[in-house]
């Protein structure tokens, strides 16, 4: 009889002992991978800018802007227009902009009334935001290959000229990196709070990122050091208070959002398209349901916090739960899921299915707006509703897979020891446990 089991004899053929391949890639390989991803992101951003080119030449005139997939809330509001009269679409316009977006519109209006020049400024800001977002993800991500889902995402392609959400999302990602102090950064909780406070006045979804950091900070996933979120909360509150004093229209805009909440891509918009009630009926119901889901996810994360919470997974679940039943979920809202989903979900096919569903909806909602200007052209509302439903089903799949990976570490943080596990040999002397006297 051999002195060693057959599995130990075959180890050289099977690749060596268990855990021998668990080491982290070298710096040279990671740097090369980062350059490749940066080039891919540059190509995606270039295509997004090229998509806006025809509208820059035509002055974002409707319906050609929607037909060319380059219309958005900022260009519409700057031109003094509103969204077309289409079932399931919010009215939009200047009153529907976020506070900081409205201030940008007013500032550029003091200099020029050329919408193309204004959109050049928006594209420059968003391009800088996408670059900052990619850099923050390279700092956070341990397995960079998954970032292809972000760097080549059609969401960046279709939202680059819509709102300032790419810039706000970059603030949120860097806030996460600064809060946990992912190498080579040092923890800066106060700066993370400032960034999230500013991002909140572009899109309130930044509050859910703040909530995810508060939940995961005291008990983070394995490999991350504990962080006290009180300084971050204090700086975020002070920043929001200062911005609220400087811009008193934020309260009025919240009231307007409540009355004009039903927008494309949501269950509420599908019901309105089917003429089963109106926006005044469904808006409060779906807002309450969305808040209830956020509360339920928060309680669930708090109950399992002892095993450690991954901040990216927590943010993905909170944002995804909010958007699932929100009365309006446009492509720039789904953009907030993109980086956290890439860090939380480990299955390629899930990310591909979700991003393809988002791309189809982004095209469908623009073509649906064309029918509001010219009834004999554009896309029938029934197809827009179908694309929105398929997109919501893909979102459900994404949330389920993010929940499955609740305990898996996807943030680099402070790396835990990566030594391979030691296998005991049959010839090793047995361990002797001495009983305490």
Protein backbone atom coordinates (compact mmCIF):
# COMPACT_ATOMS: atom_id res chain seq x y z
CA UNK A 1 0.00 0.00 0.00
CA UNK A 2 1.39 3.43 -0.86
CA UNK A 3 2.18 5.69 2.06
CA UNK A 4 0.48 8.66 0.38
CA UNK A 5 -3.08 8.89 -0.98
CA UNK A 6 -3.61 9.01 -4.73
CA UNK A 7 -4.69 12.65 -4.61
CA UNK A 8 -1.31 13.67 -3.19
CA UNK A 9 0.52 11.58 -5.81
CA UNK A 10 -1.44 13.26 -8.65
CA UNK A 11 -0.95 16.82 -7.34
CA UNK A 12 1.82 17.68 -9.86
CA UNK A 13 -0.51 16.67 -12.71
CA UNK A 14 -3.46 18.59 -11.26
CA UNK A 15 -1.54 21.83 -10.79
CA UNK A 16 -0.11 21.48 -7.31
CA UNK A 17 -1.57 21.67 -3.81
CA UNK A 18 -4.90 23.35 -3.17
CA UNK A 19 -4.49 27.13 -2.96
CA UNK A 20 -1.19 27.34 -4.80
CA UNK A 21 -2.77 29.55 -7.49
CA UNK A 22 -4.46 31.97 -5.11
CA UNK A 23 -1.77 34.63 -5.31
CA UNK A 24 -2.52 38.15 -6.53
CA UNK A 25 -1.32 39.17 -9.99
CA UNK A 26 1.92 41.08 -10.18
CA UNK A 27 2.18 44.85 -10.52
CA UNK A 28 3.31 44.68 -14.16
CA UNK A 29 0.33 42.55 -15.19
CA UNK A 30 -2.11 44.78 -13.29
CA UNK A 31 -0.62 47.91 -14.86
CA UNK A 32 -0.93 46.44 -18.35
CA UNK A 33 -4.52 45.45 -17.64
CA UNK A 34 -5.27 48.97 -16.40
CA UNK A 35 -3.88 50.48 -19.62
CA UNK A 36 -6.02 48.16 -21.74
CA UNK A 37 -9.14 49.06 -19.76
CA UNK A 38 -8.32 52.77 -19.99
CA UNK A 39 -8.00 52.47 -23.77
CA UNK A 40 -11.35 50.65 -23.91
CA UNK A 41 -12.98 53.38 -21.82
CA UNK A 42 -11.47 56.00 -24.10
CA UNK A 43 -13.07 54.29 -27.09
CA UNK A 44 -16.46 54.14 -25.34
CA UNK A 45 -16.24 57.82 -24.38
CA UNK A 46 -15.25 58.76 -27.92
CA UNK A 47 -18.29 56.95 -29.29
CA UNK A 48 -20.46 58.77 -26.75
CA UNK A 49 -19.06 62.11 -27.88
CA UNK A 50 -19.50 61.14 -31.53
CA UNK A 51 -23.14 60.32 -30.80
CA UNK A 52 -23.62 63.93 -29.69
CA UNK A 53 -21.90 65.34 -32.80
CA UNK A 54 -24.93 65.60 -35.13
CA UNK A 55 -26.97 67.31 -32.42
CA UNK A 56 -24.20 69.81 -31.73
CA UNK A 57 -24.40 70.85 -35.38
CA UNK A 58 -28.22 71.02 -35.48
CA UNK A 59 -28.72 72.78 -32.16
CA UNK A 60 -30.55 69.85 -30.53
CA UNK A 61 -33.72 70.57 -32.47
CA UNK A 62 -36.56 68.11 -31.95
CA UNK A 63 -37.55 65.55 -33.12
CA UNK A 64 -34.21 64.96 -34.83
CA UNK A 65 -32.38 65.05 -31.47
CA UNK A 66 -34.46 62.16 -30.13
CA UNK A 67 -34.18 60.27 -33.43
CA UNK A 68 -30.39 60.58 -33.24
CA UNK A 69 -30.29 59.37 -29.61
CA UNK A 70 -28.71 62.55 -28.26
CA UNK A 71 -31.59 64.36 -26.55
CA UNK A 72 -31.55 64.73 -22.77
CA UNK A 73 -32.97 66.70 -19.85
CA UNK A 74 -30.18 69.29 -19.85
CA UNK A 75 -30.41 70.21 -23.53
CA UNK A 76 -34.22 70.24 -23.35
CA UNK A 77 -34.27 72.50 -20.30
CA UNK A 78 -31.62 74.87 -21.66
CA UNK A 79 -33.66 75.34 -24.84
CA UNK A 80 -36.73 76.17 -22.73
CA UNK A 81 -38.64 73.09 -23.88
CA UNK A 82 -40.29 70.12 -22.16
CA UNK A 83 -40.66 66.44 -22.98
CA UNK A 84 -43.22 65.49 -25.66
CA UNK A 85 -46.77 64.53 -24.72
CA UNK A 86 -46.28 60.77 -24.51
CA UNK A 87 -48.01 58.38 -22.12
CA UNK A 88 -45.70 57.35 -19.30
CA UNK A 89 -43.26 60.25 -19.65
CA UNK A 90 -42.67 63.03 -17.14
CA UNK A 91 -43.06 66.60 -18.32
CA UNK A 92 -39.46 67.48 -17.43
CA UNK A 93 -38.12 70.87 -18.40
CA UNK A 94 -36.18 73.31 -16.23
CA UNK A 95 -38.34 72.59 -13.17
CA UNK A 96 -37.40 68.91 -13.32
CA UNK A 97 -33.63 69.44 -13.13
CA UNK A 98 -31.56 68.74 -10.05
CA UNK A 99 -30.48 71.83 -8.07
CA UNK A 100 -26.85 71.87 -9.25
CA UNK A 101 -27.90 71.13 -12.83
CA UNK A 102 -30.35 74.04 -12.73
CA UNK A 103 -27.62 76.35 -11.40
CA UNK A 104 -25.34 75.29 -14.27
CA UNK A 105 -28.09 76.09 -16.77
CA UNK A 106 -28.63 79.52 -15.23
CA UNK A 107 -24.89 80.24 -15.18
CA UNK A 108 -24.35 79.39 -18.84
CA UNK A 109 -27.49 81.35 -19.75
CA UNK A 110 -25.75 84.46 -18.42
CA UNK A 111 -23.00 83.95 -20.99
CA UNK A 112 -24.80 82.57 -24.03
CA UNK A 113 -28.09 81.18 -25.29
CA UNK A 114 -26.41 78.72 -27.65
CA UNK A 115 -27.49 75.23 -26.58
CA UNK A 116 -24.62 73.63 -28.50
CA UNK A 117 -22.04 75.63 -26.54
CA UNK A 118 -23.79 74.70 -23.32
CA UNK A 119 -23.69 71.01 -24.22
CA UNK A 120 -19.96 71.26 -24.97
CA UNK A 121 -19.50 72.33 -21.33
CA UNK A 122 -21.69 69.44 -20.17
CA UNK A 123 -19.75 66.93 -22.25
CA UNK A 124 -16.44 68.19 -20.91
CA UNK A 125 -17.67 67.87 -17.31
CA UNK A 126 -19.06 64.39 -17.89
CA UNK A 127 -15.92 63.22 -19.70
CA UNK A 128 -13.89 64.32 -16.69
CA UNK A 129 -16.40 62.52 -14.48
CA UNK A 130 -16.08 59.27 -16.45
CA UNK A 131 -12.28 59.49 -16.24
CA UNK A 132 -12.46 60.04 -12.47
CA UNK A 133 -14.96 57.18 -12.16
CA UNK A 134 -12.65 54.79 -13.98
CA UNK A 135 -9.67 55.79 -11.84
CA UNK A 136 -11.65 55.25 -8.66
CA UNK A 137 -12.74 51.82 -9.83
CA UNK A 138 -9.17 50.84 -10.62
CA UNK A 139 -8.30 51.73 -7.03
CA UNK A 140 -11.24 49.80 -5.57
CA UNK A 141 -11.36 46.69 -7.74
CA UNK A 142 -9.27 43.66 -6.87
CA UNK A 143 -10.10 41.75 -10.04
CA UNK A 144 -9.91 44.33 -12.77
CA UNK A 145 -11.10 42.08 -15.55
CA UNK A 146 -14.67 42.60 -14.32
CA UNK A 147 -14.40 46.34 -15.01
CA UNK A 148 -14.90 45.65 -18.72
CA UNK A 149 -18.61 45.72 -17.81
CA UNK A 150 -18.18 49.39 -16.89
CA UNK A 151 -15.53 50.58 -19.31
CA UNK A 152 -17.41 49.29 -22.37
CA UNK A 153 -20.92 49.84 -21.05
CA UNK A 154 -23.59 51.27 -23.38
CA UNK A 155 -24.91 53.21 -20.38
CA UNK A 156 -21.93 55.56 -20.64
CA UNK A 157 -22.54 55.82 -24.37
CA UNK A 158 -26.19 56.91 -23.97
CA UNK A 159 -25.95 59.07 -20.83
CA UNK A 160 -22.82 61.10 -21.52
CA UNK A 161 -24.83 64.08 -22.79
CA UNK A 162 -28.02 63.65 -20.76
CA UNK A 163 -27.38 64.79 -17.18
CA UNK A 164 -24.50 65.39 -14.78
CA UNK A 165 -24.91 61.93 -13.24
CA UNK A 166 -21.52 60.66 -14.53
CA UNK A 167 -19.85 63.43 -12.51
CA UNK A 168 -21.96 62.73 -9.42
CA UNK A 169 -21.30 58.98 -9.67
CA UNK A 170 -17.56 59.67 -9.81
CA UNK A 171 -17.91 61.59 -6.54
CA UNK A 172 -19.73 58.60 -4.99
CA UNK A 173 -17.10 56.07 -6.10
CA UNK A 174 -14.25 58.23 -4.81
CA UNK A 175 -16.14 58.72 -1.55
CA UNK A 176 -16.15 54.94 -1.09
CA UNK A 177 -12.44 54.73 -1.86
CA UNK A 178 -11.59 57.59 0.51
CA UNK A 179 -13.81 56.30 3.32
CA UNK A 180 -12.13 52.89 3.49
CA UNK A 181 -8.70 54.17 2.49
CA UNK A 182 -8.11 51.69 -0.32
CA UNK A 183 -4.35 51.65 -1.05
CA UNK A 184 -2.60 53.89 -1.99
CA UNK A 185 -5.16 56.27 -0.44
CA UNK A 186 -5.46 57.16 3.21
CA UNK A 187 -8.91 57.20 4.86
CA UNK A 188 -10.57 60.60 4.66
CA UNK A 189 -14.05 60.29 6.08
CA UNK A 190 -14.76 64.01 6.06
CA UNK A 191 -13.84 64.33 2.38
CA UNK A 192 -16.02 61.34 1.51
CA UNK A 193 -18.95 63.09 3.20
CA UNK A 194 -18.33 66.30 1.26
CA UNK A 195 -18.31 64.44 -2.05
CA UNK A 196 -21.53 62.58 -1.24
CA UNK A 197 -23.18 65.81 -0.08
CA UNK A 198 -22.42 67.44 -3.43
CA UNK A 199 -23.52 64.36 -5.38
CA UNK A 200 -26.86 64.34 -3.56
CA UNK A 201 -27.79 67.67 -5.16
CA UNK A 202 -27.29 66.08 -8.59
CA UNK A 203 -29.08 62.80 -7.87
CA UNK A 204 -30.55 61.77 -4.49
CA UNK A 205 -29.38 58.19 -5.13
CA UNK A 206 -26.09 59.34 -3.60
CA UNK A 207 -27.85 59.12 -0.23
CA UNK A 208 -28.10 55.35 -0.72
CA UNK A 209 -24.33 55.15 -1.26
CA UNK A 210 -23.95 57.09 1.99
CA UNK A 211 -26.30 54.64 3.71
CA UNK A 212 -24.31 51.68 2.36
CA UNK A 213 -21.08 53.11 3.78
CA UNK A 214 -22.73 53.77 7.15
CA UNK A 215 -23.95 50.17 7.34
CA UNK A 216 -20.72 48.53 6.19
CA UNK A 217 -18.20 50.85 7.88
CA UNK A 218 -18.35 49.47 11.46
CA UNK A 219 -18.39 45.83 10.28
CA UNK A 220 -16.86 45.62 6.79
CA UNK A 221 -16.15 42.49 4.78
CA UNK A 222 -12.97 40.51 5.30
CA UNK A 223 -9.92 42.49 4.20
CA UNK A 224 -11.32 45.95 5.04
CA UNK A 225 -10.57 47.84 8.23
CA UNK A 226 -13.36 49.18 10.39
CA UNK A 227 -14.27 52.82 9.85
CA UNK A 228 -16.36 55.11 12.02
CA UNK A 229 -18.96 56.79 9.77
CA UNK A 230 -19.77 59.68 12.13
CA UNK A 231 -17.30 62.13 10.59
CA UNK A 232 -18.56 61.27 7.11
CA UNK A 233 -22.17 61.79 8.20
CA UNK A 234 -21.32 65.11 9.82
CA UNK A 235 -19.48 66.49 6.78
CA UNK A 236 -22.23 65.28 4.43
CA UNK A 237 -24.87 66.99 6.57
CA UNK A 238 -22.92 70.26 6.74
CA UNK A 239 -22.26 70.23 2.98
CA UNK A 240 -25.93 69.56 2.21
CA UNK A 241 -27.02 72.32 4.60
CA UNK A 242 -24.68 74.83 2.95
CA UNK A 243 -25.91 73.93 -0.53
CA UNK A 244 -29.50 74.08 0.66
CA UNK A 245 -29.00 77.60 2.01
CA UNK A 246 -27.27 78.71 -1.18
CA UNK A 247 -30.02 77.24 -3.35
CA UNK A 248 -33.45 77.49 -1.74
CA UNK A 249 -35.14 75.98 -4.81
CA UNK A 250 -34.27 72.43 -3.69
CA UNK A 251 -37.49 72.14 -1.66
CA UNK A 252 -39.60 73.34 -4.59
CA UNK A 253 -37.92 70.83 -6.86
CA UNK A 254 -38.70 67.99 -4.48
CA UNK A 255 -42.36 69.01 -4.56
CA UNK A 256 -42.24 69.13 -8.36
CA UNK A 257 -40.61 65.69 -8.55
CA UNK A 258 -43.38 64.28 -6.39
CA UNK A 259 -46.08 65.66 -8.68
CA UNK A 260 -44.23 64.68 -11.89
CA UNK A 261 -42.60 61.47 -10.71
CA UNK A 262 -43.89 58.91 -13.23
CA UNK A 263 -41.34 58.58 -16.01
CA UNK A 264 -40.16 55.97 -18.49
CA UNK A 265 -38.77 52.58 -17.59
CA UNK A 266 -40.83 51.88 -14.46
CA UNK A 267 -43.83 49.73 -13.62
CA UNK A 268 -45.80 52.94 -13.06
CA UNK A 269 -45.00 54.19 -16.57
CA UNK A 270 -46.10 50.85 -18.05
CA UNK A 271 -49.46 51.17 -16.27
CA UNK A 272 -49.86 54.74 -17.53
CA UNK A 273 -49.00 53.64 -21.08
CA UNK A 274 -51.73 51.02 -20.79
CA UNK A 275 -54.06 53.84 -19.64
CA UNK A 276 -54.68 52.09 -16.31
CA UNK A 277 -54.82 55.21 -14.18
CA UNK A 278 -52.75 58.40 -14.39
CA UNK A 279 -49.56 59.76 -12.84
CA UNK A 280 -51.42 61.43 -9.95
CA UNK A 281 -52.76 58.02 -8.91
CA UNK A 282 -49.65 55.91 -9.24
CA UNK A 283 -46.89 58.33 -8.16
CA UNK A 284 -47.53 58.28 -4.37
CA UNK A 285 -48.14 54.53 -4.38
CA UNK A 286 -44.91 53.61 -6.13
CA UNK A 287 -42.88 56.17 -4.17
CA UNK A 288 -44.13 54.58 -0.95
CA UNK A 289 -43.39 51.09 -2.26
CA UNK A 290 -39.86 52.09 -3.29
CA UNK A 291 -39.17 53.61 0.12
CA UNK A 292 -40.50 50.44 1.74
CA UNK A 293 -38.10 48.28 -0.28
CA UNK A 294 -35.16 50.50 0.72
CA UNK A 295 -36.19 50.20 4.37
CA UNK A 296 -36.51 46.41 4.09
CA UNK A 297 -33.07 46.08 2.45
CA UNK A 298 -31.55 48.33 5.12
CA UNK A 299 -33.00 46.22 7.93
CA UNK A 300 -31.82 43.03 6.24
CA UNK A 301 -28.28 44.33 5.84
CA UNK A 302 -28.25 45.50 9.44
CA UNK A 303 -29.31 42.05 10.64
CA UNK A 304 -26.47 40.28 8.80
CA UNK A 305 -23.82 42.90 9.55
CA UNK A 306 -21.97 40.63 12.02
CA UNK A 307 -20.57 38.52 9.21
CA UNK A 308 -19.24 41.62 7.46
CA UNK A 309 -20.80 43.77 4.75
CA UNK A 310 -19.27 44.50 1.39
CA UNK A 311 -19.94 48.21 0.69
CA UNK A 312 -20.27 47.65 -3.06
CA UNK A 313 -22.81 44.86 -2.57
CA UNK A 314 -24.72 46.96 -0.04
CA UNK A 315 -24.84 49.92 -2.43
CA UNK A 316 -25.93 47.68 -5.30
CA UNK A 317 -28.78 46.18 -3.27
CA UNK A 318 -29.98 49.52 -1.91
CA UNK A 319 -29.90 51.32 -5.28
CA UNK A 320 -31.34 48.34 -7.14
CA UNK A 321 -34.17 47.95 -4.63
CA UNK A 322 -34.99 51.63 -4.86
CA UNK A 323 -35.02 51.68 -8.66
CA UNK A 324 -37.02 48.47 -8.97
CA UNK A 325 -40.24 50.08 -7.73
CA UNK A 326 -39.41 53.75 -8.34
CA UNK A 327 -42.03 55.60 -10.44
CA UNK A 328 -39.31 56.68 -12.88
CA UNK A 329 -36.08 54.90 -13.88
CA UNK A 330 -34.35 56.51 -16.82
CA UNK A 331 -30.96 55.36 -18.19
CA UNK A 332 -29.01 57.91 -16.12
CA UNK A 333 -30.58 56.40 -12.97
CA UNK A 334 -29.40 52.92 -13.96
CA UNK A 335 -25.92 54.38 -14.42
CA UNK A 336 -25.67 54.49 -10.61
CA UNK A 337 -25.86 50.70 -10.49
CA UNK A 338 -23.10 50.17 -13.03
CA UNK A 339 -19.88 50.40 -10.94
CA UNK A 340 -21.32 48.67 -7.88
CA UNK A 341 -22.82 45.87 -9.96
CA UNK A 342 -19.46 45.26 -11.62
CA UNK A 343 -17.85 45.01 -8.16
CA UNK A 344 -20.60 42.83 -6.68
CA UNK A 345 -21.78 40.43 -9.41
CA UNK A 346 -19.34 37.75 -10.54
CA UNK A 347 -21.22 36.29 -13.48
CA UNK A 348 -20.47 37.70 -16.89
CA UNK A 349 -23.76 36.67 -18.47
CA UNK A 350 -25.76 38.58 -15.83
CA UNK A 351 -23.89 41.81 -16.53
CA UNK A 352 -24.21 41.29 -20.28
CA UNK A 353 -27.95 40.62 -20.12
CA UNK A 354 -28.54 43.66 -17.92
CA UNK A 355 -26.46 46.09 -20.00
CA UNK A 356 -28.04 44.89 -23.24
CA UNK A 357 -31.51 45.41 -21.73
CA UNK A 358 -30.47 48.92 -20.69
CA UNK A 359 -29.16 49.68 -24.18
CA UNK A 360 -32.37 48.48 -25.85
CA UNK A 361 -34.46 50.59 -23.48
CA UNK A 362 -32.26 53.68 -23.99
CA UNK A 363 -32.87 53.43 -27.75
CA UNK A 364 -36.55 52.65 -27.29
CA UNK A 365 -37.32 55.59 -25.00
CA UNK A 366 -35.73 58.03 -27.44
CA UNK A 367 -37.65 56.63 -30.40
CA UNK A 368 -40.79 56.68 -28.28
CA UNK A 369 -40.34 60.43 -27.78
CA UNK A 370 -40.22 60.86 -31.55
CA UNK A 371 -43.81 59.61 -31.75
CA UNK A 372 -44.81 62.47 -29.44
CA UNK A 373 -43.68 64.99 -32.06
CA UNK A 374 -44.75 63.10 -35.18
CA UNK A 375 -47.43 60.47 -34.60
CA UNK A 376 -46.66 58.55 -37.80
CA UNK A 377 -42.98 58.17 -36.87
CA UNK A 378 -41.07 56.86 -33.93
CA UNK A 379 -41.74 53.76 -31.86
CA UNK A 380 -45.14 52.53 -30.77
CA UNK A 381 -45.75 52.89 -26.98
CA UNK A 382 -46.46 49.16 -26.76
CA UNK A 383 -42.89 48.34 -27.77
CA UNK A 384 -41.51 50.93 -25.32
CA UNK A 385 -43.52 49.27 -22.55
CA UNK A 386 -42.21 45.84 -23.60
CA UNK A 387 -38.59 47.04 -23.54
CA UNK A 388 -39.17 48.61 -20.12
CA UNK A 389 -40.61 45.35 -18.77
CA UNK A 390 -37.70 43.29 -20.07
CA UNK A 391 -35.32 45.81 -18.52
CA UNK A 392 -37.05 45.50 -15.14
CA UNK A 393 -36.78 41.70 -15.31
CA UNK A 394 -33.05 42.05 -15.99
CA UNK A 395 -32.81 44.38 -13.00
CA UNK A 396 -34.47 41.75 -10.80
CA UNK A 397 -31.89 39.21 -11.97
CA UNK A 398 -29.07 41.63 -11.18
CA UNK A 399 -30.37 42.26 -7.67
CA UNK A 400 -30.69 38.52 -6.98
CA UNK A 401 -27.12 37.85 -8.10
CA UNK A 402 -25.82 40.78 -6.04
CA UNK A 403 -27.57 39.35 -2.99
CA UNK A 404 -26.02 35.95 -3.66
CA UNK A 405 -22.58 37.52 -3.46
CA UNK A 406 -23.38 39.35 -0.22
CA UNK A 407 -20.50 37.76 1.65
CA UNK A 408 -17.92 37.84 -1.12
CA UNK A 409 -15.20 40.45 -1.04
CA UNK A 410 -15.06 42.60 -4.15
CA UNK A 411 -13.27 45.67 -2.75
CA UNK A 412 -9.51 45.79 -2.61
CA UNK A 413 -9.14 47.66 0.69
CA UNK A 414 -6.42 46.32 2.96
CA UNK A 415 -5.66 42.86 1.55
CA UNK A 416 -5.90 39.91 3.89
CA UNK A 417 -3.07 37.36 4.00
CA UNK A 418 -3.17 35.39 0.75
CA UNK A 419 -1.07 32.43 1.89
CA UNK A 420 -2.38 29.11 0.50
CA UNK A 421 -4.00 26.81 3.03
CA UNK A 422 -1.73 24.17 4.55
CA UNK A 423 -2.66 20.53 4.02
CA UNK A 424 -1.78 18.10 6.74
CA UNK A 425 0.24 15.04 5.79
CA UNK A 426 -0.63 11.64 7.09
CA UNK A 427 2.89 11.34 8.49
CA UNK A 428 2.61 14.59 10.46
CA UNK A 429 2.44 14.07 14.21
CA UNK A 430 -1.03 14.52 15.64
CA UNK A 431 -1.88 17.75 17.41
CA UNK A 432 -1.98 17.41 21.16
CA UNK A 433 -4.52 19.55 22.98
CA UNK A 434 -3.60 20.01 26.60
CA UNK A 435 -6.41 20.45 29.03
CA UNK A 436 -6.13 23.57 31.14
CA UNK A 437 -5.64 22.88 34.78
